[in-house]
Amino acid sequence: MSENTMADTDRQVWIGEGPVLVDYADHVARITLNRPEAANGMNIELMQALYRAVMRCHREPGVRVVHLRGAGRNFCAGGDVREFASKGEELGDFLREVTAYLQIAIGALIRLEAIVVTEVQGYAAGGGGLGLVCASDVVIAGSGAKFLAGATRVGMAPDGGASVILPSLIGFRRATEMFLTNRIVEAGEAQSIGLITRCVPDDALAEEARKATRTYAEGAPLALAATKRLLWNGLNVESCLPEEARTVSTLSATADSREGLAAVIEKRKPVFKGA
């Protein structure tokens, strides 16, 4: 029996419906963001579901690798800007809750003993997409993948731990440019600057990500978990998450943030007034 057939035969479905799906086989838990119609844009329901999915992996001692992926054409295009914009002047309160779930999901990913291998196609943007990429241990991206900070273009600030992790990955100057200009970083450049682990052809992405998960699943689990813990402890990410959350909450209540969201939806240049 082939490895693929065995995996399909033994695969367990832990969460089979909703905005986040989880299945498991051969020490690998596969978490799939499941809002393809919204480019896996993050709203409260998805963030709550992601946190529950990660915590399920925490509870399962057999999980050695978490394979994080997105359904459809994009990994995660960030926050669901249409839903955000619909909140109007209540956006600040709404984003406090969204950001809180994002922060605890990021913290839970970092604290996992399992190695997090993330598969990226299409866009990885904003605190959701780029934040999850930053919080991963290994990132395999298709050659057509695109990475975008995105926060300041809608009058907000980086979150999801990106403000501390991204400079550690690619350097202070490059991270500053990504955050302040919101330019798109193509997959080839992302590999060259250290944002991702490896860039592969789009048609080989799923298979290469699967091979990576097998490599880590077959490693020494205690040693890999200990090494991961030492590396993340050196970044001290979680101590920075509350300040990120406070900053995003404050900015999301401003007129500039509402203007930025409206400009993205209307596909025009925003006019910021510093208010």
Protein backbone atom coordinates (compact mmCIF):
# COMPACT_ATOMS: atom_id res chain seq x y z
CA MET A 1 0.00 0.00 0.00
CA SER A 2 1.39 3.42 -0.95
CA GLU A 3 2.06 6.12 1.64
CA ASN A 4 -0.73 8.29 0.19
CA THR A 5 -3.24 5.44 0.37
CA MET A 6 -2.25 4.60 3.93
CA ALA A 7 -2.61 8.26 4.99
CA ASP A 8 -6.07 8.45 3.41
CA THR A 9 -7.13 5.18 5.06
CA ASP A 10 -5.94 6.13 8.54
CA ARG A 11 -6.91 9.81 8.44
CA GLN A 12 -9.11 11.00 11.28
CA VAL A 13 -11.39 14.03 10.90
CA TRP A 14 -11.27 16.09 14.09
CA ILE A 15 -13.16 19.15 12.84
CA GLY A 16 -15.06 18.48 9.64
CA GLU A 17 -17.06 21.66 9.04
CA GLY A 18 -16.92 25.40 9.65
CA PRO A 19 -14.33 28.11 8.95
CA VAL A 20 -11.40 25.93 10.10
CA LEU A 21 -11.02 22.20 9.41
CA VAL A 22 -8.69 19.75 11.14
CA ASP A 23 -7.73 16.20 10.21
CA TYR A 24 -4.98 13.92 11.45
CA ALA A 25 -2.84 11.02 10.24
CA ASP A 26 0.66 9.70 10.92
CA HIS A 27 1.56 12.30 13.59
CA VAL A 28 0.52 15.21 11.32
CA ALA A 29 -2.48 17.41 12.13
CA ARG A 30 -3.63 19.37 9.07
CA ILE A 31 -5.36 22.68 9.82
CA THR A 32 -7.17 24.24 6.85
CA LEU A 33 -8.53 27.80 6.84
CA ASN A 34 -11.89 27.27 5.17
CA ARG A 35 -13.36 30.56 3.96
CA PRO A 36 -12.18 30.39 0.32
CA GLU A 37 -15.02 32.63 -0.87
CA ALA A 38 -13.52 35.42 1.28
CA ALA A 39 -9.87 34.59 0.51
CA ASN A 40 -9.80 33.08 4.02
CA GLY A 41 -10.20 36.58 5.40
CA MET A 42 -10.26 36.64 9.17
CA ASN A 43 -13.39 37.43 11.13
CA ILE A 44 -14.37 36.52 14.68
CA GLU A 45 -15.77 33.11 13.72
CA LEU A 46 -12.61 32.08 11.88
CA MET A 47 -10.34 33.35 14.66
CA GLN A 48 -12.31 31.50 17.33
CA ALA A 49 -12.25 28.34 15.24
CA LEU A 50 -8.50 28.65 14.59
CA TYR A 51 -7.81 28.96 18.29
CA ARG A 52 -9.93 25.88 19.03
CA ALA A 53 -8.13 23.96 16.27
CA VAL A 54 -4.68 24.82 17.62
CA MET A 55 -5.71 23.94 21.16
CA ARG A 56 -6.99 20.58 19.92
CA CYS A 57 -3.49 19.93 18.62
CA HIS A 58 -2.07 20.92 22.01
CA ARG A 59 -4.21 18.23 23.67
CA GLU A 60 -3.09 15.43 21.35
CA PRO A 61 0.30 13.97 22.38
CA GLY A 62 0.68 12.15 19.05
CA VAL A 63 0.86 15.39 17.03
CA ARG A 64 4.43 16.06 15.97
CA VAL A 65 3.69 18.40 13.05
CA VAL A 66 0.91 20.88 12.33
CA HIS A 67 0.40 21.45 8.61
CA LEU A 68 -1.29 24.85 8.23
CA ARG A 69 -2.90 25.70 4.89
CA GLY A 70 -5.69 27.69 3.28
CA ALA A 71 -8.49 26.43 1.03
CA GLY A 72 -8.90 27.99 -2.40
CA ARG A 73 -6.68 30.41 -4.30
CA ASN A 74 -5.22 32.27 -1.30
CA PHE A 75 -3.65 31.21 1.97
CA CYS A 76 -5.10 34.17 3.88
CA ALA A 77 -5.66 37.69 2.57
CA GLY A 78 -5.73 39.19 6.07
CA GLY A 79 -8.75 40.59 7.84
CA ASP A 80 -12.18 40.49 6.22
CA VAL A 81 -12.17 44.16 5.22
CA ARG A 82 -15.79 44.17 4.07
CA GLU A 83 -16.99 42.89 7.41
CA PHE A 84 -14.69 45.33 9.21
CA ALA A 85 -15.97 48.28 7.20
CA SER A 86 -19.60 47.32 7.86
CA LYS A 87 -19.09 48.01 11.59
CA GLY A 88 -18.71 51.78 11.08
CA GLU A 89 -17.96 53.59 14.33
CA GLU A 90 -18.28 50.30 16.24
CA LEU A 91 -15.18 48.99 14.46
CA GLY A 92 -12.93 49.63 17.45
CA ASP A 93 -14.92 47.39 19.79
CA PHE A 94 -15.29 44.75 17.08
CA LEU A 95 -11.56 44.63 16.33
CA ARG A 96 -10.67 44.38 20.00
CA GLU A 97 -12.36 40.99 19.98
CA VAL A 98 -10.93 39.90 16.62
CA THR A 99 -7.42 40.96 17.64
CA ALA A 100 -7.71 39.19 20.99
CA TYR A 101 -8.48 35.88 19.28
CA LEU A 102 -5.70 36.42 16.74
CA GLN A 103 -3.17 37.08 19.49
CA ILE A 104 -4.09 34.00 21.52
CA ALA A 105 -4.08 31.83 18.38
CA ILE A 106 -0.60 33.11 17.48
CA GLY A 107 0.62 32.50 21.02
CA ALA A 108 -0.82 28.99 20.94
CA LEU A 109 0.96 28.22 17.64
CA ILE A 110 4.28 29.41 19.02
CA ARG A 111 3.84 27.34 22.19
CA LEU A 112 3.01 24.14 20.31
CA GLU A 113 5.58 21.40 20.78
CA ALA A 114 4.70 20.31 17.25
CA ILE A 115 6.58 21.87 14.35
CA VAL A 116 4.30 24.20 12.34
CA VAL A 117 4.75 23.79 8.58
CA THR A 118 2.76 26.36 6.62
CA GLU A 119 1.83 25.99 2.94
CA VAL A 120 1.25 29.30 1.14
CA GLN A 121 -0.46 29.93 -2.19
CA GLY A 122 -1.75 33.26 -3.45
CA TYR A 123 -1.82 36.05 -0.88
CA ALA A 124 -0.55 35.99 2.70
CA ALA A 125 -1.47 39.46 3.90
CA GLY A 126 -2.12 41.45 7.04
CA GLY A 127 -2.08 40.33 10.66
CA GLY A 128 -3.88 37.14 9.63
CA GLY A 129 -1.91 35.98 6.60
CA LEU A 130 1.51 37.49 7.21
CA GLY A 131 1.11 37.06 10.98
CA LEU A 132 0.52 33.32 10.62
CA VAL A 133 3.48 33.01 8.26
CA CYS A 134 5.67 34.79 10.80
CA ALA A 135 4.46 32.52 13.62
CA SER A 136 5.26 29.34 11.67
CA ASP A 137 8.42 27.30 12.05
CA VAL A 138 8.74 26.29 8.38
CA VAL A 139 7.08 27.99 5.40
CA ILE A 140 6.82 26.44 1.92
CA ALA A 141 5.37 28.83 -0.68
CA GLY A 142 4.38 28.46 -4.29
CA SER A 143 6.23 30.62 -6.80
CA GLY A 144 3.08 32.70 -7.31
CA ALA A 145 2.65 33.52 -3.62
CA LYS A 146 2.64 37.16 -2.53
CA PHE A 147 3.31 38.63 0.90
CA LEU A 148 1.92 41.96 2.11
CA ALA A 149 1.97 43.67 5.50
CA GLY A 150 -1.12 45.73 4.73
CA ALA A 151 -1.89 47.26 8.12
CA THR A 152 -0.79 50.86 7.62
CA ARG A 153 -2.59 51.13 4.28
CA VAL A 154 -5.87 50.88 6.21
CA GLY A 155 -4.76 53.18 9.02
CA MET A 156 -3.80 50.40 11.44
CA ALA A 157 -0.62 48.84 12.84
CA PRO A 158 0.92 45.36 12.53
CA ASP A 159 -0.43 42.62 14.78
CA GLY A 160 -0.33 38.86 15.12
CA GLY A 161 3.19 39.19 16.55
CA ALA A 162 4.55 40.43 13.23
CA SER A 163 5.99 43.63 14.71
CA VAL A 164 8.57 41.60 16.62
CA ILE A 165 8.89 38.43 14.51
CA LEU A 166 9.26 39.99 11.04
CA PRO A 167 12.33 42.12 11.94
CA SER A 168 13.93 39.02 13.44
CA LEU A 169 13.33 37.10 10.22
CA ILE A 170 14.32 39.63 7.57
CA GLY A 171 16.08 42.45 9.45
CA PHE A 172 14.92 45.78 10.85
CA ARG A 173 15.30 47.83 7.65
CA ARG A 174 13.48 45.40 5.38
CA ALA A 175 10.70 44.93 7.93
CA THR A 176 10.31 48.69 8.30
CA GLU A 177 9.96 49.06 4.53
CA MET A 178 7.40 46.26 4.32
CA PHE A 179 5.31 47.74 7.13
CA LEU A 180 5.46 51.38 6.02
CA THR A 181 5.13 51.00 2.23
CA ASN A 182 2.92 47.89 2.06
CA ARG A 183 4.68 46.78 -1.08
CA ILE A 184 4.05 43.24 -2.30
CA VAL A 185 6.93 40.82 -1.76
CA GLU A 186 7.00 38.02 -4.34
CA ALA A 187 7.83 34.46 -3.30
CA GLY A 188 11.33 34.44 -4.79
CA GLU A 189 12.31 37.56 -2.88
CA ALA A 190 10.61 36.23 0.25
CA GLN A 191 12.94 33.24 0.16
CA SER A 192 16.04 35.33 -0.50
CA ILE A 193 15.40 37.64 2.48
CA GLY A 194 14.45 34.84 4.88
CA LEU A 195 10.72 35.45 5.17
CA ILE A 196 9.96 31.90 3.99
CA THR A 197 11.89 28.66 4.09
CA ARG A 198 11.52 27.60 0.48
CA CYS A 199 9.87 28.69 -2.79
CA VAL A 200 8.69 25.89 -5.08
CA PRO A 201 6.73 25.72 -8.35
CA ASP A 202 3.01 26.27 -7.81
CA ASP A 203 2.10 22.87 -9.22
CA ALA A 204 4.51 21.17 -6.80
CA LEU A 205 3.44 23.11 -3.69
CA ALA A 206 1.09 20.56 -2.12
CA GLU A 207 3.54 17.68 -2.60
CA GLU A 208 6.53 19.66 -1.31
CA ALA A 209 4.58 20.74 1.76
CA ARG A 210 3.58 17.13 2.38
CA LYS A 211 7.21 16.00 2.08
CA ALA A 212 8.26 18.65 4.59
CA THR A 213 5.66 17.49 7.11
CA ARG A 214 6.90 13.91 6.77
CA THR A 215 10.50 15.00 7.32
CA TYR A 216 9.68 16.64 10.64
CA ALA A 217 7.17 13.97 11.69
CA GLU A 218 9.93 11.35 11.34
CA GLY A 219 12.44 13.39 13.39
CA ALA A 220 13.19 13.01 17.10
CA PRO A 221 10.07 14.61 18.61
CA LEU A 222 11.49 15.60 21.99
CA ALA A 223 14.61 17.13 20.45
CA LEU A 224 12.65 19.03 17.78
CA ALA A 225 10.18 20.37 20.36
CA ALA A 226 12.99 21.47 22.68
CA THR A 227 14.84 23.19 19.83
CA LYS A 228 11.68 25.00 18.75
CA ARG A 229 11.08 26.19 22.32
CA LEU A 230 14.63 27.54 22.66
CA LEU A 231 14.41 29.43 19.36
CA TRP A 232 11.06 31.06 20.14
CA ASN A 233 12.08 31.89 23.71
CA GLY A 234 14.90 33.97 22.27
CA LEU A 235 12.41 36.21 20.46
CA ASN A 236 10.18 36.83 23.49
CA VAL A 237 7.19 37.33 21.20
CA GLU A 238 4.36 36.88 23.66
CA SER A 239 5.43 39.77 25.87
CA CYS A 240 4.87 42.08 22.88
CA LEU A 241 1.39 40.83 21.94
CA PRO A 242 -0.60 42.93 24.47
CA GLU A 243 0.96 46.18 23.23
CA GLU A 244 0.18 45.22 19.63
CA ALA A 245 -3.43 44.53 20.59
CA ARG A 246 -3.79 47.85 22.43
CA THR A 247 -2.31 49.75 19.50
CA VAL A 248 -4.55 48.12 16.91
CA SER A 249 -7.63 48.68 19.08
CA THR A 250 -6.83 52.37 19.48
CA LEU A 251 -6.15 52.93 15.78
CA SER A 252 -9.21 50.99 14.66
CA ALA A 253 -11.44 53.53 16.38
CA THR A 254 -10.10 56.40 14.25
CA ALA A 255 -11.58 58.01 11.15
CA ASP A 256 -8.39 57.16 9.28
CA SER A 257 -8.97 53.44 9.77
CA ARG A 258 -12.51 53.70 8.41
CA GLU A 259 -11.21 55.70 5.44
CA GLY A 260 -8.49 53.12 4.79
CA LEU A 261 -10.95 50.24 4.77
CA ALA A 262 -13.35 52.13 2.50
CA ALA A 263 -10.51 52.90 0.09
CA VAL A 264 -9.53 49.23 -0.17
CA ILE A 265 -13.11 48.18 -0.87
CA GLU A 266 -13.63 51.00 -3.39
CA LYS A 267 -10.20 50.37 -4.96
CA ARG A 268 -9.02 53.95 -4.63
CA LYS A 269 -6.24 55.85 -2.88
CA PRO A 270 -7.11 56.72 0.73
CA VAL A 271 -7.10 60.28 2.01
CA PHE A 272 -5.79 60.21 5.57
CA LYS A 273 -6.29 63.19 7.90
CA GLY A 274 -4.51 62.03 11.03
CA ALA A 275 -7.73 61.70 12.99
